[in-house]
């Protein structure tokens, strides 16, 4: 959620953003996503069943992606059918997949069907690290991709899901307005005004998806 909110403030043009968050994907379902515009992506689906994240790295061999896609359909619990059978998640292209039900103590990792490929590079460490990394990781991304220099304190403010203010918004993007940021926050579900964190946000934290507050 914080990643999507930061992207929305820094980059008004949605088509150029990496991160998004949809709190109204379906009743009781939230979806966070990363798309870099070059085919690499991940989708994080949150529901009462738990959390599941699926990613695809364009440069990896297509044969591996197809094998992992078939493996996902065979192994991932049907509790996560909302992701497994949804065309928008491109489940025919899978480089990595992790899931965790409410009662699970740890995350489950989708294993490659060929045991010899168990330790292959799948891109997950590179693409998922920002979900657990401190705010400085987003700062480095913003400097590199948006070619700006947002204050780390302002990024940390959003990572904490703290309310928005004109000062915070302007520090991230001098051309942005608080009213525009509040509209984006409403679409994203970000708690822009002082209030209790949404129930789904609390469930994400308890699932250990993003203890940094990035999701």
Protein backbone atom coordinates (compact mmCIF):
# COMPACT_ATOMS: atom_id res chain seq x y z
CA UNK A 1 0.00 0.00 0.00
CA UNK A 2 2.74 2.46 0.95
CA UNK A 3 4.68 1.66 -2.23
CA UNK A 4 1.62 2.40 -4.36
CA UNK A 5 0.91 5.61 -2.45
CA UNK A 6 4.48 6.84 -2.83
CA UNK A 7 4.47 6.08 -6.55
CA UNK A 8 1.13 7.87 -6.96
CA UNK A 9 2.44 11.06 -5.34
CA UNK A 10 5.82 11.09 -7.05
CA UNK A 11 4.52 10.07 -10.49
CA UNK A 12 1.05 11.38 -11.46
CA UNK A 13 1.11 9.33 -14.70
CA UNK A 14 -0.18 5.90 -13.66
CA UNK A 15 1.26 4.14 -16.71
CA UNK A 16 4.81 4.92 -15.55
CA UNK A 17 4.45 3.61 -12.01
CA UNK A 18 5.80 0.26 -10.84
CA UNK A 19 3.55 -0.26 -7.83
CA UNK A 20 -0.22 -0.38 -7.44
CA UNK A 21 -2.71 -1.47 -4.79
CA UNK A 22 -6.37 -2.33 -5.32
CA UNK A 23 -8.40 -2.65 -2.10
CA UNK A 24 -11.55 -3.43 -4.09
CA UNK A 25 -10.37 -6.16 -6.41
CA UNK A 26 -13.33 -8.27 -5.26
CA UNK A 27 -15.32 -8.49 -2.04
CA UNK A 28 -12.86 -9.34 0.71
CA UNK A 29 -9.91 -9.38 -1.68
CA UNK A 30 -7.01 -6.93 -2.04
CA UNK A 31 -4.29 -7.03 -4.70
CA UNK A 32 -0.89 -5.36 -4.65
CA UNK A 33 1.17 -5.46 -7.82
CA UNK A 34 4.51 -4.54 -9.33
CA UNK A 35 4.91 -4.14 -13.09
CA UNK A 36 8.07 -2.69 -14.61
CA UNK A 37 6.68 -2.26 -18.13
CA UNK A 38 9.08 -4.82 -19.58
CA UNK A 39 7.14 -7.96 -18.67
CA UNK A 40 8.51 -8.49 -15.18
CA UNK A 41 5.81 -8.44 -12.53
CA UNK A 42 4.45 -9.81 -9.29
CA UNK A 43 0.96 -9.94 -7.83
CA UNK A 44 0.20 -10.22 -4.12
CA UNK A 45 -3.36 -11.42 -3.45
CA UNK A 46 -4.81 -11.00 0.04
CA UNK A 47 -8.04 -12.58 1.24
CA UNK A 48 -9.56 -14.44 4.17
CA UNK A 49 -7.73 -17.53 2.86
CA UNK A 50 -4.35 -15.85 3.48
CA UNK A 51 -1.75 -14.37 1.17
CA UNK A 52 -0.23 -15.58 -2.09
CA UNK A 53 2.34 -13.90 -4.29
CA UNK A 54 3.20 -14.87 -7.84
CA UNK A 55 5.91 -13.37 -10.03
CA UNK A 56 7.34 -13.60 -13.52
CA UNK A 57 10.77 -12.56 -14.78
CA UNK A 58 10.78 -12.01 -18.51
CA UNK A 59 14.44 -12.89 -19.11
CA UNK A 60 14.25 -16.36 -17.59
CA UNK A 61 13.80 -19.36 -19.93
CA UNK A 62 10.19 -19.70 -21.11
CA UNK A 63 10.28 -23.44 -20.61
CA UNK A 64 10.92 -22.98 -16.90
CA UNK A 65 8.05 -20.49 -16.67
CA UNK A 66 5.63 -22.92 -18.30
CA UNK A 67 6.78 -25.77 -16.04
CA UNK A 68 6.30 -23.62 -12.96
CA UNK A 69 2.86 -22.53 -14.17
CA UNK A 70 1.74 -26.15 -14.42
CA UNK A 71 3.28 -26.88 -11.04
CA UNK A 72 1.38 -23.99 -9.47
CA UNK A 73 -1.95 -25.33 -10.71
CA UNK A 74 -1.08 -28.77 -9.33
CA UNK A 75 0.40 -27.82 -5.95
CA UNK A 76 -0.96 -24.48 -4.70
CA UNK A 77 -4.02 -25.02 -2.48
CA UNK A 78 -7.38 -24.33 -4.08
CA UNK A 79 -7.96 -21.86 -1.24
CA UNK A 80 -6.12 -19.47 -3.55
CA UNK A 81 -8.23 -20.21 -6.61
CA UNK A 82 -9.05 -16.52 -6.96
CA UNK A 83 -5.46 -16.02 -8.13
CA UNK A 84 -4.85 -19.40 -9.75
CA UNK A 85 -7.77 -19.10 -12.15
CA UNK A 86 -7.77 -15.36 -12.82
CA UNK A 87 -6.48 -14.46 -16.33
CA UNK A 88 -5.42 -10.99 -15.17
CA UNK A 89 -2.67 -12.59 -13.08
CA UNK A 90 -1.05 -14.28 -16.10
CA UNK A 91 -0.82 -17.64 -14.36
CA UNK A 92 0.58 -19.19 -17.54
CA UNK A 93 3.87 -17.39 -16.76
CA UNK A 94 5.29 -18.21 -13.32
CA UNK A 95 8.88 -17.73 -12.17
CA UNK A 96 8.17 -17.90 -8.44
CA UNK A 97 5.22 -18.34 -6.11
CA UNK A 98 4.79 -18.25 -2.34
CA UNK A 99 1.66 -18.65 -0.24
CA UNK A 100 0.66 -18.62 3.40
CA UNK A 101 -2.71 -19.56 4.87
CA UNK A 102 -3.90 -18.10 8.15
CA UNK A 103 -2.91 -21.17 10.13
CA UNK A 104 0.50 -21.59 8.46
CA UNK A 105 3.52 -20.79 10.58
CA UNK A 106 5.77 -20.21 7.57
CA UNK A 107 5.52 -19.28 3.92
CA UNK A 108 5.30 -22.12 1.42
CA UNK A 109 7.49 -21.91 -1.69
CA UNK A 110 6.51 -23.44 -5.01
CA UNK A 111 9.27 -25.86 -5.92
CA UNK A 112 10.39 -26.45 -9.49
CA UNK A 113 9.10 -29.84 -10.71
CA UNK A 114 12.66 -30.83 -11.62
CA UNK A 115 14.65 -31.30 -8.37
CA UNK A 116 17.84 -30.44 -10.24
CA UNK A 117 16.43 -26.93 -10.71
CA UNK A 118 15.65 -26.44 -7.03
CA UNK A 119 18.35 -23.81 -6.50
CA UNK A 120 18.01 -21.99 -9.80
CA UNK A 121 17.76 -18.19 -9.95
CA UNK A 122 14.07 -17.24 -10.06
CA UNK A 123 14.20 -13.48 -9.51
CA UNK A 124 12.23 -13.55 -6.26
CA UNK A 125 15.06 -12.21 -4.11
CA UNK A 126 15.53 -9.20 -6.38
CA UNK A 127 11.87 -8.37 -6.93
CA UNK A 128 10.41 -9.13 -3.49
CA UNK A 129 13.16 -7.63 -1.34
CA UNK A 130 11.48 -4.20 -1.34
CA UNK A 131 8.49 -5.66 0.51
CA UNK A 132 10.60 -6.43 3.56
CA UNK A 133 13.38 -3.88 3.21
CA UNK A 134 13.46 -0.55 5.08
CA UNK A 135 12.32 2.72 3.52
CA UNK A 136 15.82 3.34 2.20
CA UNK A 137 15.20 0.65 -0.40
CA UNK A 138 12.31 2.65 -1.88
CA UNK A 139 14.47 5.77 -1.74
CA UNK A 140 17.11 4.08 -3.90
CA UNK A 141 14.42 2.93 -6.35
CA UNK A 142 12.92 6.44 -6.59
CA UNK A 143 16.32 8.07 -7.15
CA UNK A 144 17.15 5.58 -9.88
CA UNK A 145 13.80 5.32 -11.65
CA UNK A 146 12.09 8.68 -11.10
CA UNK A 147 15.39 10.61 -10.96
CA UNK A 148 14.27 12.54 -7.91
CA UNK A 149 15.54 12.88 -4.34
CA UNK A 150 12.60 12.34 -1.96
CA UNK A 151 13.31 12.85 1.76
CA UNK A 152 13.81 9.55 3.51
CA UNK A 153 11.78 10.84 6.46
CA UNK A 154 8.76 11.38 4.18
CA UNK A 155 9.08 7.87 2.77
CA UNK A 156 9.24 6.49 6.31
CA UNK A 157 6.13 8.53 7.13
CA UNK A 158 4.17 6.66 4.46
CA UNK A 159 5.72 3.32 5.39
CA UNK A 160 4.19 3.89 8.83
CA UNK A 161 0.80 4.50 7.15
CA UNK A 162 0.73 7.91 8.80
CA UNK A 163 -1.77 10.60 7.67
CA UNK A 164 -0.95 12.76 4.67
CA UNK A 165 -0.29 16.48 4.87
CA UNK A 166 0.56 19.20 2.41
CA UNK A 167 4.12 19.29 3.74
CA UNK A 168 4.62 15.54 3.26
CA UNK A 169 3.10 15.55 -0.24
CA UNK A 170 5.11 18.58 -1.37
CA UNK A 171 8.32 17.10 -0.01
CA UNK A 172 7.83 14.07 -2.24
CA UNK A 173 6.67 16.02 -5.30
CA UNK A 174 6.64 19.85 -5.29
CA UNK A 175 4.10 19.84 -8.15
CA UNK A 176 1.64 17.54 -6.36
CA UNK A 177 -1.29 18.80 -4.31
CA UNK A 178 -2.78 17.39 -1.15
CA UNK A 179 -6.18 17.11 -2.82
CA UNK A 180 -4.74 14.97 -5.62
CA UNK A 181 -2.91 12.82 -3.09
CA UNK A 182 -6.11 12.33 -1.09
CA UNK A 183 -7.93 11.17 -4.23
CA UNK A 184 -5.16 8.69 -4.93
CA UNK A 185 -5.25 7.55 -1.30
CA UNK A 186 -8.98 6.89 -1.58
CA UNK A 187 -8.42 4.67 -4.65
CA UNK A 188 -5.53 2.84 -3.00
CA UNK A 189 -7.16 2.52 0.40
CA UNK A 190 -4.30 4.35 2.12
CA UNK A 191 -5.34 5.78 5.53
CA UNK A 192 -4.71 9.40 4.56
CA UNK A 193 -6.63 10.82 7.52
CA UNK A 194 -6.16 9.94 11.20
CA UNK A 195 -8.11 6.76 11.83
CA UNK A 196 -7.61 3.11 12.67
CA UNK A 197 -5.68 1.04 10.12
CA UNK A 198 -7.97 -1.01 7.83
CA UNK A 199 -8.63 -4.61 8.86
CA UNK A 200 -6.94 -5.99 5.74
CA UNK A 201 -3.86 -3.88 6.45
CA UNK A 202 -3.66 -5.42 9.93
CA UNK A 203 -4.02 -8.89 8.45
CA UNK A 204 -1.13 -8.24 6.07
CA UNK A 205 1.08 -7.28 8.98
CA UNK A 206 0.05 -10.32 11.00
CA UNK A 207 0.76 -12.57 8.02
CA UNK A 208 4.28 -11.19 7.90
CA UNK A 209 3.92 -10.08 4.27
CA UNK A 210 5.49 -6.70 4.84
CA UNK A 211 6.57 -5.99 8.38
CA UNK A 212 8.18 -2.81 7.07
CA UNK A 213 4.79 -1.39 6.11
CA UNK A 214 5.68 -1.30 2.43
CA UNK A 215 2.75 -3.35 1.12
